[in-house]
Amino acid sequence: MMAYHQAVISPNTYSYIFPISGSLKYYSKNQAKL
């Protein structure tokens, strides 16, 4: 969940992100117009 969150708020900090069995929680619902 934190890995997904980082992909949204700070993607350029990482080369690759591997979220295993997680979710974005509130972002996919409340931030649709990001």
Full PDB file with SEQRES, HELIX, SHEET, SSBOND, CRYST1, ORIGX, SCALE, CONECT and MASTER records, all heavy atoms in Angstrom:
SEQRES   1 A   34  MET MET ALA TYR HIS GLN ALA VAL ILE SER PRO ASN THR          
SEQRES   2 A   34  TYR SER TYR ILE PHE PRO ILE SER GLY SER LEU LYS TYR          
SEQRES   3 A   34  TYR SER LYS ASN GLN ALA LYS LEU                              
HELIX    1 AA1 MET A    2  ILE A    9  1                                   8    
HELIX    2 AA2 PRO A   11  THR A   13  5                                   3    
HELIX    3 AA3 TYR A   27  ASN A   30  1                                   4    
CRYST1    1.000    1.000    1.000  90.00  90.00  90.00 P 1           1          
ORIGX1      1.000000  0.000000  0.000000        0.00000                         
ORIGX2      0.000000  1.000000  0.000000        0.00000                         
ORIGX3      0.000000  0.000000  1.000000        0.00000                         
SCALE1      1.000000  0.000000  0.000000        0.00000                         
SCALE2      0.000000  1.000000  0.000000        0.00000                         
SCALE3      0.000000  0.000000  1.000000        0.00000                         
ATOM      1  N   MET A   1       0.837  -1.200   0.000  1.00  0.00           N  
ATOM      2  CA  MET A   1       0.000   0.000   0.000  1.00  0.00           C  
ATOM      3  C   MET A   1       0.873   1.251   0.000  1.00  0.00           C  
ATOM      4  O   MET A   1       0.601   2.210  -0.730  1.00  0.00           O  
ATOM      5  CB  MET A   1      -0.927  -0.010   1.217  1.00  0.00           C  
ATOM      6  CG  MET A   1      -2.003  -1.071   1.170  1.00  0.00           C  
ATOM      7  SD  MET A   1      -3.094  -0.954   2.610  1.00  0.00           S  
ATOM      8  CE  MET A   1      -4.141  -2.379   2.323  1.00  0.00           C  
ATOM      9  N   MET A   2       1.925   1.233   0.822  1.00  0.00           N  
ATOM     10  CA  MET A   2       2.851   2.364   0.809  1.00  0.00           C  
ATOM     11  C   MET A   2       3.593   2.444  -0.526  1.00  0.00           C  
ATOM     12  O   MET A   2       3.849   3.533  -1.042  1.00  0.00           O  
ATOM     13  CB  MET A   2       3.844   2.256   1.960  1.00  0.00           C  
ATOM     14  CG  MET A   2       4.892   3.371   1.985  1.00  0.00           C  
ATOM     15  SD  MET A   2       4.204   5.045   2.076  1.00  0.00           S  
ATOM     16  CE  MET A   2       4.062   5.243   3.864  1.00  0.00           C  
ATOM     17  N   ALA A   3       3.927   1.290  -1.117  1.00  0.00           N  
ATOM     18  CA  ALA A   3       4.611   1.281  -2.415  1.00  0.00           C  
ATOM     19  C   ALA A   3       3.722   1.911  -3.496  1.00  0.00           C  
ATOM     20  O   ALA A   3       4.182   2.736  -4.296  1.00  0.00           O  
ATOM     21  CB  ALA A   3       4.989  -0.149  -2.793  1.00  0.00           C  
ATOM     22  N   TYR A   4       2.455   1.529  -3.528  1.00  0.00           N  
ATOM     23  CA  TYR A   4       1.504   2.144  -4.465  1.00  0.00           C  
ATOM     24  C   TYR A   4       1.417   3.656  -4.221  1.00  0.00           C  
ATOM     25  O   TYR A   4       1.411   4.464  -5.155  1.00  0.00           O  
ATOM     26  CB  TYR A   4       0.111   1.542  -4.289  1.00  0.00           C  
ATOM     27  CG  TYR A   4      -0.205   0.341  -5.144  1.00  0.00           C  
ATOM     28  CD1 TYR A   4      -0.613  -0.861  -4.563  1.00  0.00           C  
ATOM     29  CD2 TYR A   4      -0.159   0.413  -6.529  1.00  0.00           C  
ATOM     30  CE1 TYR A   4      -0.942  -1.965  -5.344  1.00  0.00           C  
ATOM     31  CE2 TYR A   4      -0.482  -0.676  -7.323  1.00  0.00           C  
ATOM     32  CZ  TYR A   4      -0.874  -1.862  -6.719  1.00  0.00           C  
ATOM     33  OH  TYR A   4      -1.206  -2.943  -7.507  1.00  0.00           O  
ATOM     34  N   HIS A   5       1.327   4.034  -2.958  1.00  0.00           N  
ATOM     35  CA  HIS A   5       1.215   5.443  -2.593  1.00  0.00           C  
ATOM     36  C   HIS A   5       2.433   6.231  -3.083  1.00  0.00           C  
ATOM     37  O   HIS A   5       2.295   7.344  -3.607  1.00  0.00           O  
ATOM     38  CB  HIS A   5       1.082   5.551  -1.073  1.00  0.00           C  
ATOM     39  CG  HIS A   5       0.838   6.939  -0.575  1.00  0.00           C  
ATOM     40  ND1 HIS A   5      -0.343   7.602  -0.787  1.00  0.00           N  
ATOM     41  CD2 HIS A   5       1.629   7.796   0.118  1.00  0.00           C  
ATOM     42  CE1 HIS A   5      -0.277   8.800  -0.233  1.00  0.00           C  
ATOM     43  NE2 HIS A   5       0.912   8.949   0.318  1.00  0.00           N  
ATOM     44  N   GLN A   6       3.614   5.642  -2.946  1.00  0.00           N  
ATOM     45  CA  GLN A   6       4.830   6.308  -3.411  1.00  0.00           C  
ATOM     46  C   GLN A   6       4.822   6.481  -4.928  1.00  0.00           C  
ATOM     47  O   GLN A   6       5.341   7.471  -5.450  1.00  0.00           O  
ATOM     48  CB  GLN A   6       6.064   5.499  -2.982  1.00  0.00           C  
ATOM     49  CG  GLN A   6       6.326   5.531  -1.487  1.00  0.00           C  
ATOM     50  CD  GLN A   6       6.733   6.904  -0.996  1.00  0.00           C  
ATOM     51  OE1 GLN A   6       7.712   7.477  -1.465  1.00  0.00           O  
ATOM     52  NE2 GLN A   6       5.978   7.446  -0.048  1.00  0.00           N  
ATOM     53  N   ALA A   7       4.223   5.542  -5.635  1.00  0.00           N  
ATOM     54  CA  ALA A   7       4.139   5.652  -7.095  1.00  0.00           C  
ATOM     55  C   ALA A   7       3.331   6.867  -7.513  1.00  0.00           C  
ATOM     56  O   ALA A   7       3.556   7.448  -8.579  1.00  0.00           O  
ATOM     57  CB  ALA A   7       3.514   4.386  -7.682  1.00  0.00           C  
ATOM     58  N   VAL A   8       2.397   7.288  -6.658  1.00  0.00           N  
ATOM     59  CA  VAL A   8       1.560   8.447  -6.954  1.00  0.00           C  
ATOM     60  C   VAL A   8       2.232   9.748  -6.528  1.00  0.00           C  
ATOM     61  O   VAL A   8       2.262  10.723  -7.277  1.00  0.00           O  
ATOM     62  CB  VAL A   8       0.181   8.315  -6.266  1.00  0.00           C  
ATOM     63  CG1 VAL A   8      -0.633   9.592  -6.442  1.00  0.00           C  
ATOM     64  CG2 VAL A   8      -0.584   7.128  -6.834  1.00  0.00           C  
ATOM     65  N   ILE A   9       2.784   9.769  -5.303  1.00  0.00           N  
ATOM     66  CA  ILE A   9       3.264  11.042  -4.760  1.00  0.00           C  
ATOM     67  C   ILE A   9       4.736  11.325  -5.015  1.00  0.00           C  
ATOM     68  O   ILE A   9       5.162  12.479  -4.979  1.00  0.00           O  
ATOM     69  CB  ILE A   9       2.993  11.137  -3.239  1.00  0.00           C  
ATOM     70  CG1 ILE A   9       3.854  10.128  -2.470  1.00  0.00           C  
ATOM     71  CG2 ILE A   9       1.515  10.966  -2.939  1.00  0.00           C  
ATOM     72  CD1 ILE A   9       3.873  10.384  -0.974  1.00  0.00           C  
ATOM     73  N   SER A  10       5.546  10.281  -5.288  1.00  0.00           N  
ATOM     74  CA  SER A  10       6.978  10.504  -5.469  1.00  0.00           C  
ATOM     75  C   SER A  10       7.601   9.488  -6.427  1.00  0.00           C  
ATOM     76  O   SER A  10       8.591   8.827  -6.106  1.00  0.00           O  
ATOM     77  CB  SER A  10       7.685  10.435  -4.103  1.00  0.00           C  
ATOM     78  OG  SER A  10       9.015  10.879  -4.197  1.00  0.00           O  
ATOM     79  N   PRO A  11       7.048   9.336  -7.626  1.00  0.00           N  
ATOM     80  CA  PRO A  11       7.522   8.279  -8.533  1.00  0.00           C  
ATOM     81  C   PRO A  11       8.972   8.435  -8.961  1.00  0.00           C  
ATOM     82  O   PRO A  11       9.658   7.428  -9.205  1.00  0.00           O  
ATOM     83  CB  PRO A  11       6.573   8.404  -9.730  1.00  0.00           C  
ATOM     84  CG  PRO A  11       6.108   9.826  -9.699  1.00  0.00           C  
ATOM     85  CD  PRO A  11       5.993  10.160  -8.236  1.00  0.00           C  
ATOM     86  N   ASN A  12       9.471   9.667  -9.048  1.00  0.00           N  
ATOM     87  CA  ASN A  12      10.830   9.876  -9.535  1.00  0.00           C  
ATOM     88  C   ASN A  12      11.912   9.555  -8.509  1.00  0.00           C  
ATOM     89  O   ASN A  12      13.097   9.683  -8.788  1.00  0.00           O  
ATOM     90  CB  ASN A  12      10.987  11.321 -10.014  1.00  0.00           C  
ATOM     91  CG  ASN A  12      10.132  11.597 -11.237  1.00  0.00           C  
ATOM     92  OD1 ASN A  12       9.986  10.750 -12.120  1.00  0.00           O  
ATOM     93  ND2 ASN A  12       9.516  12.766 -11.282  1.00  0.00           N  
ATOM     94  N   THR A  13      11.498   9.124  -7.325  1.00  0.00           N  
ATOM     95  CA  THR A  13      12.451   8.684  -6.298  1.00  0.00           C  
ATOM     96  C   THR A  13      12.951   7.278  -6.593  1.00  0.00           C  
ATOM     97  O   THR A  13      13.992   6.864  -6.086  1.00  0.00           O  
ATOM     98  CB  THR A  13      11.775   8.721  -4.905  1.00  0.00           C  
ATOM     99  OG1 THR A  13      11.327  10.056  -4.651  1.00  0.00           O  
ATOM    100  CG2 THR A  13      12.723   8.314  -3.794  1.00  0.00           C  
ATOM    101  N   TYR A  14      12.240   6.547  -7.459  1.00  0.00           N  
ATOM    102  CA  TYR A  14      12.501   5.117  -7.650  1.00  0.00           C  
ATOM    103  C   TYR A  14      12.722   4.769  -9.125  1.00  0.00           C  
ATOM    104  O   TYR A  14      12.209   5.438 -10.016  1.00  0.00           O  
ATOM    105  CB  TYR A  14      11.321   4.300  -7.109  1.00  0.00           C  
ATOM    106  CG  TYR A  14      10.925   4.696  -5.712  1.00  0.00           C  
ATOM    107  CD1 TYR A  14       9.885   5.607  -5.500  1.00  0.00           C  
ATOM    108  CD2 TYR A  14      11.597   4.201  -4.601  1.00  0.00           C  
ATOM    109  CE1 TYR A  14       9.529   6.008  -4.222  1.00  0.00           C  
ATOM    110  CE2 TYR A  14      11.251   4.592  -3.318  1.00  0.00           C  
ATOM    111  CZ  TYR A  14      10.224   5.497  -3.135  1.00  0.00           C  
ATOM    112  OH  TYR A  14       9.879   5.905  -1.870  1.00  0.00           O  
ATOM    113  N   SER A  15      13.449   3.676  -9.335  1.00  0.00           N  
ATOM    114  CA  SER A  15      13.615   3.142 -10.691  1.00  0.00           C  
ATOM    115  C   SER A  15      12.477   2.185 -11.024  1.00  0.00           C  
ATOM    116  O   SER A  15      11.898   2.235 -12.114  1.00  0.00           O  
ATOM    117  CB  SER A  15      14.956   2.414 -10.813  1.00  0.00           C  
ATOM    118  OG  SER A  15      15.076   1.411  -9.809  1.00  0.00           O  
ATOM    119  N   TYR A  16      12.157   1.305 -10.062  1.00  0.00           N  
ATOM    120  CA  TYR A  16      11.078   0.326 -10.216  1.00  0.00           C  
ATOM    121  C   TYR A  16      10.333   0.225  -8.895  1.00  0.00           C  
ATOM    122  O   TYR A  16      10.916   0.388  -7.822  1.00  0.00           O  
ATOM    123  CB  TYR A  16      11.620  -1.062 -10.594  1.00  0.00           C  
ATOM    124  CG  TYR A  16      12.424  -1.063 -11.874  1.00  0.00           C  
ATOM    125  CD1 TYR A  16      13.821  -1.043 -11.836  1.00  0.00           C  
ATOM    126  CD2 TYR A  16      11.797  -1.069 -13.110  1.00  0.00           C  
ATOM    127  CE1 TYR A  16      14.567  -1.023 -13.000  1.00  0.00           C  
ATOM    128  CE2 TYR A  16      12.529  -1.057 -14.280  1.00  0.00           C  
ATOM    129  CZ  TYR A  16      13.919  -1.032 -14.220  1.00  0.00           C  
ATOM    130  OH  TYR A  16      14.643  -1.009 -15.379  1.00  0.00           O  
ATOM    131  N   ILE A  17       9.038  -0.080  -8.985  1.00  0.00           N  
ATOM    132  CA  ILE A  17       8.222  -0.291  -7.785  1.00  0.00           C  
ATOM    133  C   ILE A  17       7.492  -1.620  -7.940  1.00  0.00           C  
ATOM    134  O   ILE A  17       6.848  -1.871  -8.962  1.00  0.00           O  
ATOM    135  CB  ILE A  17       7.224   0.856  -7.576  1.00  0.00           C  
ATOM    136  CG1 ILE A  17       7.983   2.185  -7.375  1.00  0.00           C  
ATOM    137  CG2 ILE A  17       6.331   0.578  -6.370  1.00  0.00           C  
ATOM    138  CD1 ILE A  17       7.079   3.399  -7.210  1.00  0.00           C  
ATOM    139  N   PHE A  18       7.591  -2.462  -6.919  1.00  0.00           N  
ATOM    140  CA  PHE A  18       6.960  -3.779  -6.906  1.00  0.00           C  
ATOM    141  C   PHE A  18       5.925  -3.849  -5.775  1.00  0.00           C  
ATOM    142  O   PHE A  18       6.268  -4.153  -4.641  1.00  0.00           O  
ATOM    143  CB  PHE A  18       8.005  -4.874  -6.664  1.00  0.00           C  
ATOM    144  CG  PHE A  18       8.853  -5.236  -7.841  1.00  0.00           C  
ATOM    145  CD1 PHE A  18       9.832  -4.362  -8.301  1.00  0.00           C  
ATOM    146  CD2 PHE A  18       8.706  -6.457  -8.480  1.00  0.00           C  
ATOM    147  CE1 PHE A  18      10.646  -4.693  -9.382  1.00  0.00           C  
ATOM    148  CE2 PHE A  18       9.507  -6.799  -9.561  1.00  0.00           C  
ATOM    149  CZ  PHE A  18      10.474  -5.916 -10.014  1.00  0.00           C  
ATOM    150  N   PRO A  19       4.647  -3.566  -6.051  1.00  0.00           N  
ATOM    151  CA  PRO A  19       3.614  -3.765  -5.023  1.00  0.00           C  
ATOM    152  C   PRO A  19       3.033  -5.181  -5.150  1.00  0.00           C  
ATOM    153  O   PRO A  19       2.489  -5.546  -6.191  1.00  0.00           O  
ATOM    154  CB  PRO A  19       2.550  -2.715  -5.363  1.00  0.00           C  
ATOM    155  CG  PRO A  19       3.047  -2.006  -6.607  1.00  0.00           C  
ATOM    156  CD  PRO A  19       4.093  -2.871  -7.215  1.00  0.00           C  
ATOM    157  N   ILE A  20       3.167  -5.960  -4.070  1.00  0.00           N  
ATOM    158  CA  ILE A  20       2.703  -7.348  -4.080  1.00  0.00           C  
ATOM    159  C   ILE A  20       1.498  -7.475  -3.149  1.00  0.00           C  
ATOM    160  O   ILE A  20       1.601  -7.218  -1.949  1.00  0.00           O  
ATOM    161  CB  ILE A  20       3.807  -8.324  -3.605  1.00  0.00           C  
ATOM    162  CG1 ILE A  20       5.177  -7.962  -4.218  1.00  0.00           C  
ATOM    163  CG2 ILE A  20       3.414  -9.759  -3.907  1.00  0.00           C  
ATOM    164  CD1 ILE A  20       5.258  -8.044  -5.708  1.00  0.00           C  
ATOM    165  N   SER A  21       0.348  -7.862  -3.699  1.00  0.00           N  
ATOM    166  CA  SER A  21      -0.871  -8.088  -2.905  1.00  0.00           C  
ATOM    167  C   SER A  21      -1.269  -6.851  -2.103  1.00  0.00           C  
ATOM    168  O   SER A  21      -1.570  -6.931  -0.913  1.00  0.00           O  
ATOM    169  CB  SER A  21      -0.675  -9.295  -1.957  1.00  0.00           C  
ATOM    170  OG  SER A  21      -0.335 -10.452  -2.685  1.00  0.00           O  
ATOM    171  N   GLY A  22      -1.272  -5.700  -2.758  1.00  0.00           N  
ATOM    172  CA  GLY A  22      -1.626  -4.457  -2.073  1.00  0.00           C  
ATOM    173  C   GLY A  22      -2.680  -3.672  -2.841  1.00  0.00           C  
ATOM    174  O   GLY A  22      -3.297  -4.184  -3.782  1.00  0.00           O  
ATOM    175  N   SER A  23      -2.881  -2.415  -2.429  1.00  0.00           N  
ATOM    176  CA  SER A  23      -3.829  -1.558  -3.128  1.00  0.00           C  
ATOM    177  C   SER A  23      -3.508  -0.100  -2.838  1.00  0.00           C  
ATOM    178  O   SER A  23      -2.713   0.215  -1.959  1.00  0.00           O  
ATOM    179  CB  SER A  23      -5.266  -1.850  -2.694  1.00  0.00           C  
ATOM    180  OG  SER A  23      -5.529  -1.271  -1.424  1.00  0.00           O  
ATOM    181  N   LEU A  24      -4.152   0.782  -3.591  1.00  0.00           N  
ATOM    182  CA  LEU A  24      -3.947   2.216  -3.422  1.00  0.00           C  
ATOM    183  C   LEU A  24      -4.848   2.820  -2.346  1.00  0.00           C  
ATOM    184  O   LEU A  24      -4.745   4.001  -2.037  1.00  0.00           O  
ATOM    185  CB  LEU A  24      -4.236   2.936  -4.744  1.00  0.00           C  
ATOM    186  CG  LEU A  24      -3.030   3.356  -5.556  1.00  0.00           C  
ATOM    187  CD1 LEU A  24      -3.470   3.900  -6.899  1.00  0.00           C  
ATOM    188  CD2 LEU A  24      -2.186   4.383  -4.826  1.00  0.00           C  
ATOM    189  N   LYS A  25      -5.743   2.022  -1.809  1.00  0.00           N  
ATOM    190  CA  LYS A  25      -6.697   2.511  -0.820  1.00  0.00           C  
ATOM    191  C   LYS A  25      -7.468   3.720  -1.351  1.00  0.00           C  
ATOM    192  O   LYS A  25      -8.133   3.632  -2.356  1.00  0.00           O  
ATOM    193  CB  LYS A  25      -5.996   2.837   0.501  1.00  0.00           C  
ATOM    194  CG  LYS A  25      -5.456   1.613   1.226  1.00  0.00           C  
ATOM    195  CD  LYS A  25      -6.521   0.639   1.629  1.00  0.00           C  
ATOM    196  CE  LYS A  25      -7.186   1.027   2.922  1.00  0.00           C  
ATOM    197  NZ  LYS A  25      -8.134   0.015   3.388  1.00  0.00           N  
ATOM    198  N   TYR A  26      -7.351   4.867  -0.692  1.00  0.00           N  
ATOM    199  CA  TYR A  26      -8.224   5.989  -0.998  1.00  0.00           C  
ATOM    200  C   TYR A  26      -7.891   6.719  -2.289  1.00  0.00           C  
ATOM    201  O   TYR A  26      -8.732   7.390  -2.856  1.00  0.00           O  
ATOM    202  CB  TYR A  26      -8.226   6.990   0.165  1.00  0.00           C  
ATOM    203  CG  TYR A  26      -6.929   7.757   0.322  1.00  0.00           C  
ATOM    204  CD1 TYR A  26      -6.754   8.981  -0.301  1.00  0.00           C  
ATOM    205  CD2 TYR A  26      -5.899   7.242   1.082  1.00  0.00           C  
ATOM    206  CE1 TYR A  26      -5.580   9.687  -0.161  1.00  0.00           C  
ATOM    207  CE2 TYR A  26      -4.719   7.948   1.236  1.00  0.00           C  
ATOM    208  CZ  TYR A  26      -4.561   9.169   0.619  1.00  0.00           C  
ATOM    209  OH  TYR A  26      -3.386   9.844   0.751  1.00  0.00           O  
ATOM    210  N   TYR A  27      -6.659   6.601  -2.797  1.00  0.00           N  
ATOM    211  CA  TYR A  27      -6.287   7.411  -3.954  1.00  0.00           C  
ATOM    212  C   TYR A  27      -7.122   7.102  -5.192  1.00  0.00           C  
ATOM    213  O   TYR A  27      -7.540   7.996  -5.905  1.00  0.00           O  
ATOM    214  CB  TYR A  27      -4.806   7.236  -4.291  1.00  0.00           C  
ATOM    215  CG  TYR A  27      -3.998   8.446  -3.903  1.00  0.00           C  
ATOM    216  CD1 TYR A  27      -3.099   8.401  -2.861  1.00  0.00           C  
ATOM    217  CD2 TYR A  27      -4.155   9.656  -4.565  1.00  0.00           C  
ATOM    218  CE1 TYR A  27      -2.370   9.511  -2.486  1.00  0.00           C  
ATOM    219  CE2 TYR A  27      -3.437  10.771  -4.202  1.00  0.00           C  
ATOM    220  CZ  TYR A  27      -2.538  10.690  -3.169  1.00  0.00           C  
ATOM    221  OH  TYR A  27      -1.835  11.796  -2.794  1.00  0.00           O  
ATOM    222  N   SER A  28      -7.361   5.827  -5.440  1.00  0.00           N  
ATOM    223  CA  SER A  28      -8.088   5.461  -6.661  1.00  0.00           C  
ATOM    224  C   SER A  28      -9.538   5.941  -6.631  1.00  0.00           C  
ATOM    225  O   SER A  28     -10.167   6.052  -7.671  1.00  0.00           O  
ATOM    226  CB  SER A  28      -8.034   3.943  -6.864  1.00  0.00           C  
ATOM    227  OG  SER A  28      -8.592   3.290  -5.750  1.00  0.00           O  
ATOM    228  N   LYS A  29     -10.055   6.248  -5.434  1.00  0.00           N  
ATOM    229  CA  LYS A  29     -11.451   6.677  -5.314  1.00  0.00           C  
ATOM    230  C   LYS A  29     -11.584   8.195  -5.210  1.00  0.00           C  
ATOM    231  O   LYS A  29     -12.457   8.791  -5.816  1.00  0.00           O  
ATOM    232  CB  LYS A  29     -12.071   6.018  -4.079  1.00  0.00           C  
ATOM    233  CG  LYS A  29     -12.103   4.496  -4.167  1.00  0.00           C  
ATOM    234  CD  LYS A  29     -12.600   3.898  -2.861  1.00  0.00           C  
ATOM    235  CE  LYS A  29     -12.576   2.373  -2.930  1.00  0.00           C  
ATOM    236  NZ  LYS A  29     -12.987   1.760  -1.644  1.00  0.00           N  
ATOM    237  N   ASN A  30     -10.718   8.820  -4.422  1.00  0.00           N  
ATOM    238  CA  ASN A  30     -10.894  10.228  -4.103  1.00  0.00           C  
ATOM    239  C   ASN A  30     -10.014  11.187  -4.896  1.00  0.00           C  
ATOM    240  O   ASN A  30     -10.186  12.395  -4.800  1.00  0.00           O  
ATOM    241  CB  ASN A  30     -10.639  10.464  -2.607  1.00  0.00           C  
ATOM    242  CG  ASN A  30     -11.617   9.696  -1.743  1.00  0.00           C  
ATOM    243  OD1 ASN A  30     -12.639   9.239  -2.227  1.00  0.00           O  
ATOM    244  ND2 ASN A  30     -11.302   9.541  -0.480  1.00  0.00           N  
ATOM    245  N   GLN A  31      -9.054  10.655  -5.656  1.00  0.00           N  
ATOM    246  CA  GLN A  31      -8.134  11.524  -6.381  1.00  0.00           C  
ATOM    247  C   GLN A  31      -8.219  11.285  -7.888  1.00  0.00           C  
ATOM    248  O   GLN A  31      -7.238  11.371  -8.607  1.00  0.00           O  
ATOM    249  CB  GLN A  31      -6.707  11.273  -5.893  1.00  0.00           C  
ATOM    250  CG  GLN A  31      -6.508  11.504  -4.409  1.00  0.00           C  
ATOM    251  CD  GLN A  31      -6.606  12.960  -4.040  1.00  0.00           C  
ATOM    252  OE1 GLN A  31      -6.222  13.825  -4.813  1.00  0.00           O  
ATOM    253  NE2 GLN A  31      -7.113  13.250  -2.857  1.00  0.00           N  
ATOM    254  N   ALA A  32      -9.404  10.953  -8.364  1.00  0.00           N  
ATOM    255  CA  ALA A  32      -9.572  10.550  -9.764  1.00  0.00           C  
ATOM    256  C   ALA A  32      -9.162  11.631 -10.753  1.00  0.00           C  
ATOM    257  O   ALA A  32      -8.795  11.347 -11.885  1.00  0.00           O  
ATOM    258  CB  ALA A  32     -11.022  10.151 -10.013  1.00  0.00           C  
ATOM    259  N   LYS A  33      -9.189  12.892 -10.328  1.00  0.00           N  
ATOM    260  CA  LYS A  33      -8.855  13.982 -11.244  1.00  0.00           C  
ATOM    261  C   LYS A  33      -7.405  14.438 -11.094  1.00  0.00           C  
ATOM    262  O   LYS A  33      -7.024  15.484 -11.609  1.00  0.00           O  
ATOM    263  CB  LYS A  33      -9.795  15.163 -10.996  1.00  0.00           C  
ATOM    264  CG  LYS A  33     -11.245  14.847 -11.341  1.00  0.00           C  
ATOM    265  CD  LYS A  33     -12.140  16.065 -11.133  1.00  0.00           C  
ATOM    266  CE  LYS A  33     -13.581  15.721 -11.482  1.00  0.00           C  
ATOM    267  NZ  LYS A  33     -14.483  16.879 -11.281  1.00  0.00           N  
ATOM    268  N   LEU A  34      -6.600  13.639 -10.404  1.00  0.00           N  
ATOM    269  CA  LEU A  34      -5.192  13.992 -10.239  1.00  0.00           C  
ATOM    270  C   LEU A  34      -4.532  14.105 -11.613  1.00  0.00           C  
ATOM    271  O   LEU A  34      -4.772  13.291 -12.501  1.00  0.00           O  
ATOM    272  CB  LEU A  34      -4.475  12.914  -9.420  1.00  0.00           C  
ATOM    273  CG  LEU A  34      -3.061  13.223  -8.957  1.00  0.00           C  
ATOM    274  CD1 LEU A  34      -3.083  14.311  -7.899  1.00  0.00           C  
ATOM    275  CD2 LEU A  34      -2.398  11.978  -8.400  1.00  0.00           C  
TER     276      LEU A  34                                                      
MASTER        0    0    0    3    0    0    0    6  275    1    0    3          
END                                                                             
